[in-house]
């Protein structure tokens, strides 16, 4: 069984500033799990969600860092 490894997507905001939101992805069979959370970096206490993004070739290129 492989380990689920989350990457923190390095969000870029063209007009400066950034809301207290955080987006992560994890490679899974057939695509990505994408998780979005709001709140402070240490708690993410304001809510969140999770979805599956189909991408069988894992071709989605985005700047990430270890979560």
PDB file of N, CA and C in Angstrom:
ATOM      1  N   UNK A   1       0.842  -1.189   0.000  1.00  0.00           N
ATOM      2  CA  UNK A   1       0.000   0.000   0.000  1.00  0.00           C
ATOM      3  C   UNK A   1       0.884   1.247   0.000  1.00  0.00           C
ATOM      4  N   UNK A   2       0.616   2.168  -0.904  1.00  0.00           N
ATOM      5  CA  UNK A   2       1.446   3.369  -0.957  1.00  0.00           C
ATOM      6  C   UNK A   2       0.915   4.441  -0.007  1.00  0.00           C
ATOM      7  N   UNK A   3       1.814   5.293   0.387  1.00  0.00           N
ATOM      8  CA  UNK A   3       1.510   6.357   1.330  1.00  0.00           C
ATOM      9  C   UNK A   3       0.919   7.558   0.595  1.00  0.00           C
ATOM     10  N   UNK A   4      -0.096   8.171   1.174  1.00  0.00           N
ATOM     11  CA  UNK A   4      -0.688   9.377   0.623  1.00  0.00           C
ATOM     12  C   UNK A   4       0.185  10.564   1.027  1.00  0.00           C
ATOM     13  N   UNK A   5       0.754  11.246   0.047  1.00  0.00           N
ATOM     14  CA  UNK A   5       1.656  12.361   0.318  1.00  0.00           C
ATOM     15  C   UNK A   5       1.037  13.653  -0.194  1.00  0.00           C
ATOM     16  N   UNK A   6       0.786  14.578   0.712  1.00  0.00           N
ATOM     17  CA  UNK A   6       0.186  15.859   0.352  1.00  0.00           C
ATOM     18  C   UNK A   6       1.253  16.862  -0.019  1.00  0.00           C
ATOM     19  N   UNK A   7       0.965  17.655  -1.066  1.00  0.00           N
ATOM     20  CA  UNK A   7       1.815  18.771  -1.483  1.00  0.00           C
ATOM     21  C   UNK A   7       0.998  20.049  -1.297  1.00  0.00           C
ATOM     22  N   UNK A   8       1.647  21.084  -0.827  1.00  0.00           N
ATOM     23  CA  UNK A   8       1.004  22.374  -0.647  1.00  0.00           C
ATOM     24  C   UNK A   8       1.154  23.132  -1.956  1.00  0.00           C
ATOM     25  N   UNK A   9       0.042  23.497  -2.584  1.00  0.00           N
ATOM     26  CA  UNK A   9       0.093  24.242  -3.844  1.00  0.00           C
ATOM     27  C   UNK A   9       0.438  25.685  -3.521  1.00  0.00           C
ATOM     28  N   UNK A  10       1.460  26.186  -4.177  1.00  0.00           N
ATOM     29  CA  UNK A  10       1.953  27.539  -3.944  1.00  0.00           C
ATOM     30  C   UNK A  10       1.063  28.521  -4.715  1.00  0.00           C
ATOM     31  N   UNK A  11      -0.015  28.957  -4.059  1.00  0.00           N
ATOM     32  CA  UNK A  11      -0.967  29.874  -4.694  1.00  0.00           C
ATOM     33  C   UNK A  11      -0.309  31.216  -4.992  1.00  0.00           C
ATOM     34  N   UNK A  12      -0.593  31.742  -6.167  1.00  0.00           N
ATOM     35  CA  UNK A  12      -0.085  33.054  -6.543  1.00  0.00           C
ATOM     36  C   UNK A  12      -1.288  33.976  -6.732  1.00  0.00           C
ATOM     37  N   UNK A  13      -1.261  35.127  -6.113  1.00  0.00           N
ATOM     38  CA  UNK A  13      -2.358  36.087  -6.204  1.00  0.00           C
ATOM     39  C   UNK A  13      -1.856  37.315  -6.951  1.00  0.00           C
ATOM     40  N   UNK A  14      -2.364  37.563  -8.169  1.00  0.00           N
ATOM     41  CA  UNK A  14      -1.812  38.610  -9.039  1.00  0.00           C
ATOM     42  C   UNK A  14      -1.966  40.026  -8.500  1.00  0.00           C
ATOM     43  N   UNK A  15      -2.902  40.278  -7.608  1.00  0.00           N
ATOM     44  CA  UNK A  15      -3.137  41.645  -7.127  1.00  0.00           C
ATOM     45  C   UNK A  15      -2.607  41.867  -5.722  1.00  0.00           C
ATOM     46  N   UNK A  16      -1.711  41.014  -5.283  1.00  0.00           N
ATOM     47  CA  UNK A  16      -1.123  41.141  -3.955  1.00  0.00           C
ATOM     48  C   UNK A  16      -2.065  40.629  -2.875  1.00  0.00           C
ATOM     49  N   UNK A  17      -1.521  40.473  -1.699  1.00  0.00           N
ATOM     50  CA  UNK A  17      -2.321  39.935  -0.605  1.00  0.00           C
ATOM     51  C   UNK A  17      -2.699  38.492  -0.868  1.00  0.00           C
ATOM     52  N   UNK A  18      -3.274  37.860   0.095  1.00  0.00           N
ATOM     53  CA  UNK A  18      -3.704  36.477  -0.060  1.00  0.00           C
ATOM     54  C   UNK A  18      -4.714  36.185   1.037  1.00  0.00           C
ATOM     55  N   UNK A  19      -5.860  35.619   0.683  1.00  0.00           N
ATOM     56  CA  UNK A  19      -6.802  35.228   1.735  1.00  0.00           C
ATOM     57  C   UNK A  19      -6.224  34.089   2.556  1.00  0.00           C
ATOM     58  N   UNK A  20      -6.802  33.868   3.701  1.00  0.00           N
ATOM     59  CA  UNK A  20      -6.327  32.787   4.564  1.00  0.00           C
ATOM     60  C   UNK A  20      -6.870  31.452   4.067  1.00  0.00           C
ATOM     61  N   UNK A  21      -6.443  31.067   2.861  1.00  0.00           N
ATOM     62  CA  UNK A  21      -6.858  29.816   2.259  1.00  0.00           C
ATOM     63  C   UNK A  21      -5.641  29.003   1.856  1.00  0.00           C
ATOM     64  N   UNK A  22      -5.775  27.700   1.898  1.00  0.00           N
ATOM     65  CA  UNK A  22      -4.663  26.806   1.623  1.00  0.00           C
ATOM     66  C   UNK A  22      -5.150  25.671   0.734  1.00  0.00           C
ATOM     67  N   UNK A  23      -4.406  25.365  -0.320  1.00  0.00           N
ATOM     68  CA  UNK A  23      -4.780  24.317  -1.256  1.00  0.00           C
ATOM     69  C   UNK A  23      -3.680  23.260  -1.281  1.00  0.00           C
ATOM     70  N   UNK A  24      -4.086  22.001  -1.185  1.00  0.00           N
ATOM     71  CA  UNK A  24      -3.164  20.874  -1.184  1.00  0.00           C
ATOM     72  C   UNK A  24      -3.604  19.868  -2.242  1.00  0.00           C
ATOM     73  N   UNK A  25      -2.670  19.050  -2.704  1.00  0.00           N
ATOM     74  CA  UNK A  25      -3.029  17.955  -3.601  1.00  0.00           C
ATOM     75  C   UNK A  25      -2.226  16.721  -3.215  1.00  0.00           C
ATOM     76  N   UNK A  26      -2.786  15.562  -3.548  1.00  0.00           N
ATOM     77  CA  UNK A  26      -2.112  14.280  -3.319  1.00  0.00           C
ATOM     78  C   UNK A  26      -2.365  13.399  -4.534  1.00  0.00           C
ATOM     79  N   UNK A  27      -1.310  12.788  -5.046  1.00  0.00           N
ATOM     80  CA  UNK A  27      -1.423  11.908  -6.213  1.00  0.00           C
ATOM     81  C   UNK A  27      -2.084  10.603  -5.801  1.00  0.00           C
ATOM     82  N   UNK A  28      -3.137  10.241  -6.538  1.00  0.00           N
ATOM     83  CA  UNK A  28      -3.838   8.972  -6.324  1.00  0.00           C
ATOM     84  C   UNK A  28      -4.040   8.313  -7.683  1.00  0.00           C
ATOM     85  N   UNK A  29      -4.438   7.062  -7.683  1.00  0.00           N
ATOM     86  CA  UNK A  29      -4.677   6.353  -8.940  1.00  0.00           C
ATOM     87  C   UNK A  29      -5.724   7.100  -9.763  1.00  0.00           C
ATOM     88  N   UNK A  30      -5.370   7.471 -10.982  1.00  0.00           N
ATOM     89  CA  UNK A  30      -6.304   8.120 -11.891  1.00  0.00           C
ATOM     90  C   UNK A  30      -6.393   9.624 -11.792  1.00  0.00           C
ATOM     91  N   UNK A  31      -5.637  10.236 -10.871  1.00  0.00           N
ATOM     92  CA  UNK A  31      -5.705  11.692 -10.768  1.00  0.00           C
ATOM     93  C   UNK A  31      -5.174  12.217  -9.452  1.00  0.00           C
ATOM     94  N   UNK A  32      -5.866  13.219  -8.911  1.00  0.00           N
ATOM     95  CA  UNK A  32      -5.422  13.918  -7.709  1.00  0.00           C
ATOM     96  C   UNK A  32      -6.573  14.074  -6.721  1.00  0.00           C
ATOM     97  N   UNK A  33      -6.259  14.001  -5.442  1.00  0.00           N
ATOM     98  CA  UNK A  33      -7.166  14.494  -4.417  1.00  0.00           C
ATOM     99  C   UNK A  33      -6.757  15.933  -4.160  1.00  0.00           C
ATOM    100  N   UNK A  34      -7.713  16.833  -4.163  1.00  0.00           N
ATOM    101  CA  UNK A  34      -7.434  18.254  -3.912  1.00  0.00           C
ATOM    102  C   UNK A  34      -8.216  18.668  -2.682  1.00  0.00           C
ATOM    103  N   UNK A  35      -7.512  19.279  -1.743  1.00  0.00           N
ATOM    104  CA  UNK A  35      -8.091  19.695  -0.483  1.00  0.00           C
ATOM    105  C   UNK A  35      -7.891  21.194  -0.314  1.00  0.00           C
ATOM    106  N   UNK A  36      -8.951  21.898   0.058  1.00  0.00           N
ATOM    107  CA  UNK A  36      -8.889  23.344   0.259  1.00  0.00           C
ATOM    108  C   UNK A  36      -9.341  23.628   1.684  1.00  0.00           C
ATOM    109  N   UNK A  37      -8.561  24.429   2.400  1.00  0.00           N
ATOM    110  CA  UNK A  37      -8.861  24.755   3.797  1.00  0.00           C
ATOM    111  C   UNK A  37      -8.718  26.246   4.020  1.00  0.00           C
ATOM    112  N   UNK A  38      -9.471  26.777   4.972  1.00  0.00           N
ATOM    113  CA  UNK A  38      -9.398  28.195   5.326  1.00  0.00           C
ATOM    114  C   UNK A  38      -9.131  28.327   6.822  1.00  0.00           C
ATOM    115  N   UNK A  39      -8.471  29.412   7.165  1.00  0.00           N
ATOM    116  CA  UNK A  39      -8.151  29.684   8.567  1.00  0.00           C
ATOM    117  C   UNK A  39      -6.666  29.924   8.727  1.00  0.00           C
ATOM    118  N   UNK A  40      -6.200  29.853   9.935  1.00  0.00           N
ATOM    119  CA  UNK A  40      -4.784  30.078  10.201  1.00  0.00           C
ATOM    120  C   UNK A  40      -3.978  28.859   9.749  1.00  0.00           C
ATOM    121  N   UNK A  41      -2.703  29.062   9.408  1.00  0.00           N
ATOM    122  CA  UNK A  41      -1.893  27.941   8.916  1.00  0.00           C
ATOM    123  C   UNK A  41      -1.797  26.766   9.890  1.00  0.00           C
ATOM    124  N   UNK A  42      -1.820  27.025  11.169  1.00  0.00           N
ATOM    125  CA  UNK A  42      -1.647  25.932  12.127  1.00  0.00           C
ATOM    126  C   UNK A  42      -2.946  25.189  12.442  1.00  0.00           C
ATOM    127  N   UNK A  43      -4.110  25.798  12.143  1.00  0.00           N
ATOM    128  CA  UNK A  43      -5.369  25.167  12.549  1.00  0.00           C
ATOM    129  C   UNK A  43      -6.323  24.863  11.402  1.00  0.00           C
ATOM    130  N   UNK A  44      -6.365  25.682  10.366  1.00  0.00           N
ATOM    131  CA  UNK A  44      -7.351  25.524   9.280  1.00  0.00           C
ATOM    132  C   UNK A  44      -8.763  25.395   9.855  1.00  0.00           C
ATOM    133  N   UNK A  45      -9.096  26.242  10.813  1.00  0.00           N
ATOM    134  CA  UNK A  45     -10.329  26.096  11.581  1.00  0.00           C
ATOM    135  C   UNK A  45     -11.592  26.640  10.919  1.00  0.00           C
ATOM    136  N   UNK A  46     -11.468  27.286   9.784  1.00  0.00           N
ATOM    137  CA  UNK A  46     -12.642  27.943   9.193  1.00  0.00           C
ATOM    138  C   UNK A  46     -13.379  27.109   8.148  1.00  0.00           C
ATOM    139  N   UNK A  47     -13.000  25.880   7.964  1.00  0.00           N
ATOM    140  CA  UNK A  47     -13.711  25.008   7.029  1.00  0.00           C
ATOM    141  C   UNK A  47     -12.828  24.530   5.904  1.00  0.00           C
ATOM    142  N   UNK A  48     -13.351  23.600   5.136  1.00  0.00           N
ATOM    143  CA  UNK A  48     -12.575  23.067   4.037  1.00  0.00           C
ATOM    144  C   UNK A  48     -13.382  22.090   3.212  1.00  0.00           C
ATOM    145  N   UNK A  49     -12.719  21.516   2.235  1.00  0.00           N
ATOM    146  CA  UNK A  49     -13.379  20.554   1.370  1.00  0.00           C
ATOM    147  C   UNK A  49     -12.359  19.691   0.655  1.00  0.00           C
ATOM    148  N   UNK A  50     -12.859  18.644   0.017  1.00  0.00           N
ATOM    149  CA  UNK A  50     -12.008  17.684  -0.670  1.00  0.00           C
ATOM    150  C   UNK A  50     -12.708  17.250  -1.948  1.00  0.00           C
ATOM    151  N   UNK A  51     -11.951  17.132  -3.040  1.00  0.00           N
ATOM    152  CA  UNK A  51     -12.522  16.664  -4.294  1.00  0.00           C
ATOM    153  C   UNK A  51     -11.488  15.845  -5.056  1.00  0.00           C
ATOM    154  N   UNK A  52     -11.958  15.075  -6.014  1.00  0.00           N
ATOM    155  CA  UNK A  52     -11.098  14.302  -6.895  1.00  0.00           C
ATOM    156  C   UNK A  52     -11.028  15.003  -8.244  1.00  0.00           C
ATOM    157  N   UNK A  53      -9.813  15.170  -8.766  1.00  0.00           N
ATOM    158  CA  UNK A  53      -9.611  15.761 -10.089  1.00  0.00           C
ATOM    159  C   UNK A  53      -9.028  14.671 -10.987  1.00  0.00           C
ATOM    160  N   UNK A  54      -9.783  14.235 -12.016  1.00  0.00           N
ATOM    161  CA  UNK A  54      -9.265  13.189 -12.897  1.00  0.00           C
ATOM    162  C   UNK A  54      -8.079  13.698 -13.721  1.00  0.00           C
ATOM    163  N   UNK A  55      -7.012  12.926 -13.735  1.00  0.00           N
ATOM    164  CA  UNK A  55      -5.806  13.247 -14.505  1.00  0.00           C
ATOM    165  C   UNK A  55      -4.983  11.958 -14.576  1.00  0.00           C
ATOM    166  N   UNK A  56      -5.385  10.992 -15.424  1.00  0.00           N
ATOM    167  CA  UNK A  56      -4.748   9.673 -15.438  1.00  0.00           C
ATOM    168  C   UNK A  56      -3.239   9.708 -15.670  1.00  0.00           C
ATOM    169  N   UNK A  57      -2.752  10.708 -16.394  1.00  0.00           N
ATOM    170  CA  UNK A  57      -1.312  10.803 -16.667  1.00  0.00           C
ATOM    171  C   UNK A  57      -0.571  11.677 -15.658  1.00  0.00           C
ATOM    172  N   UNK A  58      -1.279  12.205 -14.688  1.00  0.00           N
ATOM    173  CA  UNK A  58      -0.685  13.118 -13.704  1.00  0.00           C
ATOM    174  C   UNK A  58       0.098  14.227 -14.402  1.00  0.00           C
ATOM    175  N   UNK A  59      -0.555  14.853 -15.385  1.00  0.00           N
ATOM    176  CA  UNK A  59       0.079  15.897 -16.195  1.00  0.00           C
ATOM    177  C   UNK A  59      -0.078  17.302 -15.603  1.00  0.00           C
ATOM    178  N   UNK A  60      -0.820  17.441 -14.516  1.00  0.00           N
ATOM    179  CA  UNK A  60      -1.055  18.744 -13.905  1.00  0.00           C
ATOM    180  C   UNK A  60       0.236  19.263 -13.297  1.00  0.00           C
ATOM    181  N   UNK A  61       0.752  20.345 -13.852  1.00  0.00           N
ATOM    182  CA  UNK A  61       2.000  20.951 -13.379  1.00  0.00           C
ATOM    183  C   UNK A  61       1.660  22.232 -12.640  1.00  0.00           C
ATOM    184  N   UNK A  62       2.109  22.329 -11.421  1.00  0.00           N
ATOM    185  CA  UNK A  62       1.872  23.498 -10.579  1.00  0.00           C
ATOM    186  C   UNK A  62       3.012  23.577  -9.566  1.00  0.00           C
ATOM    187  N   UNK A  63       3.342  24.796  -9.137  1.00  0.00           N
ATOM    188  CA  UNK A  63       4.378  24.960  -8.119  1.00  0.00           C
ATOM    189  C   UNK A  63       3.849  24.445  -6.773  1.00  0.00           C
ATOM    190  N   UNK A  64       4.621  23.556  -6.148  1.00  0.00           N
ATOM    191  CA  UNK A  64       4.222  22.995  -4.855  1.00  0.00           C
ATOM    192  C   UNK A  64       5.404  22.985  -3.901  1.00  0.00           C
ATOM    193  N   UNK A  65       5.085  22.746  -2.654  1.00  0.00           N
ATOM    194  CA  UNK A  65       6.110  22.504  -1.634  1.00  0.00           C
ATOM    195  C   UNK A  65       5.564  21.444  -0.682  1.00  0.00           C
ATOM    196  N   UNK A  66       6.420  20.839   0.092  1.00  0.00           N
ATOM    197  CA  UNK A  66       5.978  19.791   1.017  1.00  0.00           C
ATOM    198  C   UNK A  66       5.005  20.361   2.035  1.00  0.00           C
ATOM    199  N   UNK A  67       3.955  19.621   2.291  1.00  0.00           N
ATOM    200  CA  UNK A  67       2.949  20.070   3.272  1.00  0.00           C
ATOM    201  C   UNK A  67       3.359  19.660   4.662  1.00  0.00           C
TER     202      UNK A  67
END
